[in-house]
N, C-alpha and C. Protein backbone atom coordinates (compact mmCIF):
# COMPACT_ATOMS: atom_id res chain seq x y z
N MET A 1 0.84 -1.17 0.00
CA MET A 1 0.00 0.00 0.00
C MET A 1 0.89 1.23 0.00
N PRO A 2 0.58 2.20 -0.81
CA PRO A 2 1.38 3.43 -0.82
C PRO A 2 1.25 4.19 0.50
N THR A 3 2.38 4.59 1.05
CA THR A 3 2.38 5.32 2.31
C THR A 3 3.33 6.51 2.24
N TYR A 4 3.16 7.42 3.15
CA TYR A 4 4.14 8.48 3.33
C TYR A 4 4.62 8.41 4.76
N ARG A 5 5.77 8.97 5.03
CA ARG A 5 6.31 8.86 6.37
C ARG A 5 6.61 10.23 6.95
N ILE A 6 6.48 10.30 8.26
CA ILE A 6 6.77 11.51 9.00
C ILE A 6 7.68 11.12 10.15
N VAL A 7 8.73 11.90 10.36
CA VAL A 7 9.62 11.68 11.48
C VAL A 7 9.21 12.65 12.58
N VAL A 8 8.84 12.10 13.73
CA VAL A 8 8.41 12.93 14.86
C VAL A 8 9.29 12.65 16.07
N LYS A 9 9.35 13.62 16.95
CA LYS A 9 10.13 13.46 18.18
C LYS A 9 9.17 13.11 19.32
N HIS A 10 9.51 12.03 20.04
CA HIS A 10 8.70 11.61 21.18
C HIS A 10 8.74 12.69 22.25
N HIS A 11 7.60 12.96 22.87
CA HIS A 11 7.52 14.08 23.80
C HIS A 11 8.22 13.83 25.14
N ARG A 12 8.39 12.55 25.53
CA ARG A 12 9.05 12.29 26.81
C ARG A 12 10.54 11.98 26.66
N ASN A 13 10.86 11.02 25.81
CA ASN A 13 12.26 10.60 25.74
C ASN A 13 13.03 11.28 24.61
N LYS A 14 12.38 12.15 23.85
CA LYS A 14 13.01 12.97 22.80
C LYS A 14 13.67 12.16 21.68
N LYS A 15 13.31 10.89 21.57
CA LYS A 15 13.83 10.07 20.47
C LYS A 15 12.98 10.30 19.23
N PHE A 16 13.62 10.17 18.07
CA PHE A 16 12.90 10.32 16.81
C PHE A 16 12.22 9.02 16.44
N ILE A 17 10.99 9.13 16.00
CA ILE A 17 10.19 7.97 15.62
C ILE A 17 9.71 8.19 14.19
N VAL A 18 9.81 7.14 13.37
CA VAL A 18 9.31 7.20 12.00
C VAL A 18 7.89 6.66 12.01
N ARG A 19 6.93 7.47 11.58
CA ARG A 19 5.53 7.06 11.51
C ARG A 19 5.14 6.96 10.05
N ARG A 20 4.42 5.90 9.69
CA ARG A 20 3.95 5.71 8.32
C ARG A 20 2.43 5.85 8.30
N PHE A 21 1.95 6.57 7.29
CA PHE A 21 0.52 6.80 7.13
C PHE A 21 0.12 6.46 5.70
N PRO A 22 -1.06 5.87 5.51
CA PRO A 22 -1.49 5.54 4.15
C PRO A 22 -1.84 6.79 3.36
N ILE A 23 -1.49 6.76 2.09
CA ILE A 23 -1.84 7.88 1.20
C ILE A 23 -3.31 7.78 0.80
N PHE A 24 -3.73 6.60 0.43
CA PHE A 24 -5.10 6.38 -0.01
C PHE A 24 -5.86 5.63 1.08
N THR A 25 -6.44 6.34 2.02
CA THR A 25 -7.20 5.67 3.07
C THR A 25 -8.52 5.18 2.51
N GLY A 26 -8.89 3.98 2.88
CA GLY A 26 -10.13 3.41 2.41
C GLY A 26 -10.02 2.66 1.09
N TYR A 27 -8.83 2.60 0.51
CA TYR A 27 -8.63 1.89 -0.75
C TYR A 27 -7.86 0.60 -0.50
N VAL A 28 -8.15 -0.40 -1.27
CA VAL A 28 -7.41 -1.65 -1.25
C VAL A 28 -6.90 -1.90 -2.66
N PHE A 29 -5.63 -2.24 -2.77
CA PHE A 29 -5.03 -2.50 -4.08
C PHE A 29 -4.99 -4.00 -4.30
N VAL A 30 -5.61 -4.44 -5.40
CA VAL A 30 -5.74 -5.86 -5.71
C VAL A 30 -5.14 -6.09 -7.08
N ASN A 31 -4.27 -7.08 -7.16
CA ASN A 31 -3.69 -7.47 -8.45
C ASN A 31 -4.42 -8.72 -8.93
N LEU A 32 -5.28 -8.54 -9.91
CA LEU A 32 -6.05 -9.66 -10.44
C LEU A 32 -5.41 -10.14 -11.74
N PRO A 33 -5.09 -11.43 -11.83
CA PRO A 33 -4.47 -11.94 -13.06
C PRO A 33 -5.44 -12.00 -14.23
N THR A 34 -6.73 -12.03 -13.95
CA THR A 34 -7.73 -12.08 -15.02
C THR A 34 -8.70 -10.92 -14.83
N GLN A 35 -9.66 -10.83 -15.70
CA GLN A 35 -10.66 -9.77 -15.64
C GLN A 35 -11.89 -10.21 -14.83
N ARG A 36 -11.67 -10.91 -13.73
CA ARG A 36 -12.79 -11.39 -12.90
C ARG A 36 -13.00 -10.42 -11.74
N PHE A 37 -13.84 -9.42 -11.94
CA PHE A 37 -14.09 -8.41 -10.93
C PHE A 37 -15.28 -8.74 -10.04
N VAL A 38 -16.08 -9.70 -10.42
CA VAL A 38 -17.30 -10.02 -9.67
C VAL A 38 -16.99 -10.42 -8.23
N PRO A 39 -15.99 -11.28 -7.96
CA PRO A 39 -15.72 -11.62 -6.55
C PRO A 39 -15.30 -10.41 -5.72
N VAL A 40 -14.58 -9.48 -6.32
CA VAL A 40 -14.16 -8.29 -5.58
C VAL A 40 -15.35 -7.38 -5.32
N GLU A 41 -16.21 -7.21 -6.31
CA GLU A 41 -17.38 -6.36 -6.15
C GLU A 41 -18.40 -6.95 -5.19
N ALA A 42 -18.34 -8.28 -4.95
CA ALA A 42 -19.28 -8.93 -4.05
C ALA A 42 -18.92 -8.73 -2.58
N VAL A 43 -17.74 -8.24 -2.29
CA VAL A 43 -17.32 -8.02 -0.91
C VAL A 43 -18.12 -6.87 -0.32
N GLU A 44 -18.64 -7.08 0.88
CA GLU A 44 -19.43 -6.04 1.54
C GLU A 44 -18.55 -4.83 1.84
N GLY A 45 -19.02 -3.68 1.49
CA GLY A 45 -18.27 -2.45 1.72
C GLY A 45 -17.59 -1.90 0.49
N VAL A 46 -17.52 -2.68 -0.58
CA VAL A 46 -16.92 -2.20 -1.82
C VAL A 46 -17.94 -1.33 -2.53
N GLY A 47 -17.60 -0.05 -2.72
CA GLY A 47 -18.51 0.86 -3.38
C GLY A 47 -18.26 0.90 -4.88
N LYS A 48 -17.02 1.11 -5.25
CA LYS A 48 -16.63 1.20 -6.65
C LYS A 48 -15.27 0.58 -6.81
N ARG A 49 -14.90 0.33 -8.03
CA ARG A 49 -13.55 -0.15 -8.30
C ARG A 49 -12.90 0.78 -9.30
N LEU A 50 -11.63 0.99 -9.12
CA LEU A 50 -10.86 1.77 -10.07
C LEU A 50 -10.10 0.79 -10.93
N LYS A 51 -10.14 0.99 -12.22
CA LYS A 51 -9.52 0.06 -13.14
C LYS A 51 -8.25 0.68 -13.71
N TYR A 52 -7.18 -0.08 -13.66
CA TYR A 52 -5.93 0.30 -14.30
C TYR A 52 -5.73 -0.64 -15.47
N SER A 53 -5.46 -0.07 -16.60
CA SER A 53 -5.26 -0.88 -17.79
C SER A 53 -4.17 -0.25 -18.63
N ARG A 54 -3.43 -1.06 -19.32
CA ARG A 54 -2.40 -0.52 -20.21
C ARG A 54 -3.02 0.02 -21.49
N THR A 55 -4.24 -0.39 -21.78
CA THR A 55 -4.94 0.17 -22.94
C THR A 55 -5.93 1.19 -22.42
N TYR A 56 -5.94 2.35 -23.00
CA TYR A 56 -6.75 3.44 -22.50
C TYR A 56 -8.04 3.64 -23.29
N GLY A 57 -8.47 2.64 -23.98
CA GLY A 57 -9.70 2.77 -24.75
C GLY A 57 -9.44 3.41 -26.09
N GLU A 58 -10.51 3.61 -26.80
CA GLU A 58 -10.39 4.18 -28.13
C GLU A 58 -10.42 5.70 -28.04
N ALA A 59 -9.43 6.32 -28.60
CA ALA A 59 -9.37 7.78 -28.65
C ALA A 59 -9.28 8.19 -30.11
N PRO A 60 -9.85 9.31 -30.45
CA PRO A 60 -9.76 9.75 -31.85
C PRO A 60 -8.32 10.06 -32.23
N ALA A 61 -7.98 9.73 -33.45
CA ALA A 61 -6.63 10.00 -33.94
C ALA A 61 -6.46 11.51 -34.13
N VAL A 62 -5.41 12.04 -33.54
CA VAL A 62 -5.16 13.48 -33.60
C VAL A 62 -3.77 13.68 -34.18
N GLN A 63 -3.67 14.56 -35.15
CA GLN A 63 -2.37 14.90 -35.75
C GLN A 63 -1.76 16.04 -34.96
N LEU A 64 -0.63 15.80 -34.31
CA LEU A 64 0.05 16.84 -33.55
C LEU A 64 0.98 17.61 -34.45
N PRO A 65 1.13 18.91 -34.24
CA PRO A 65 2.05 19.70 -35.06
C PRO A 65 3.49 19.31 -34.75
N ALA A 66 4.35 19.45 -35.74
CA ALA A 66 5.76 19.13 -35.56
C ALA A 66 6.41 20.10 -34.58
N ARG A 67 7.36 19.61 -33.82
CA ARG A 67 8.07 20.47 -32.87
C ARG A 67 9.02 21.39 -33.61
N SER A 68 9.16 22.58 -33.12
CA SER A 68 10.08 23.53 -33.77
C SER A 68 11.21 23.88 -32.79
N ASP A 69 12.03 22.89 -32.48
CA ASP A 69 13.14 23.09 -31.55
C ASP A 69 14.34 23.67 -32.24
């Protein structure tokens, strides 16, 4: 799970402590080898799922102007 860390000083013994906190609270990251999302969506408490894919769907072909470096 992605986290960030904060170094804080203990108030009594003045030692430094590294604390880790989640960046995305309430999210669970699941690596599914197939496109079987039904078991994940059936879990109580799952509201929505975010999909990561290497293909971004169909986008219209756009001709970009040439760079003038």
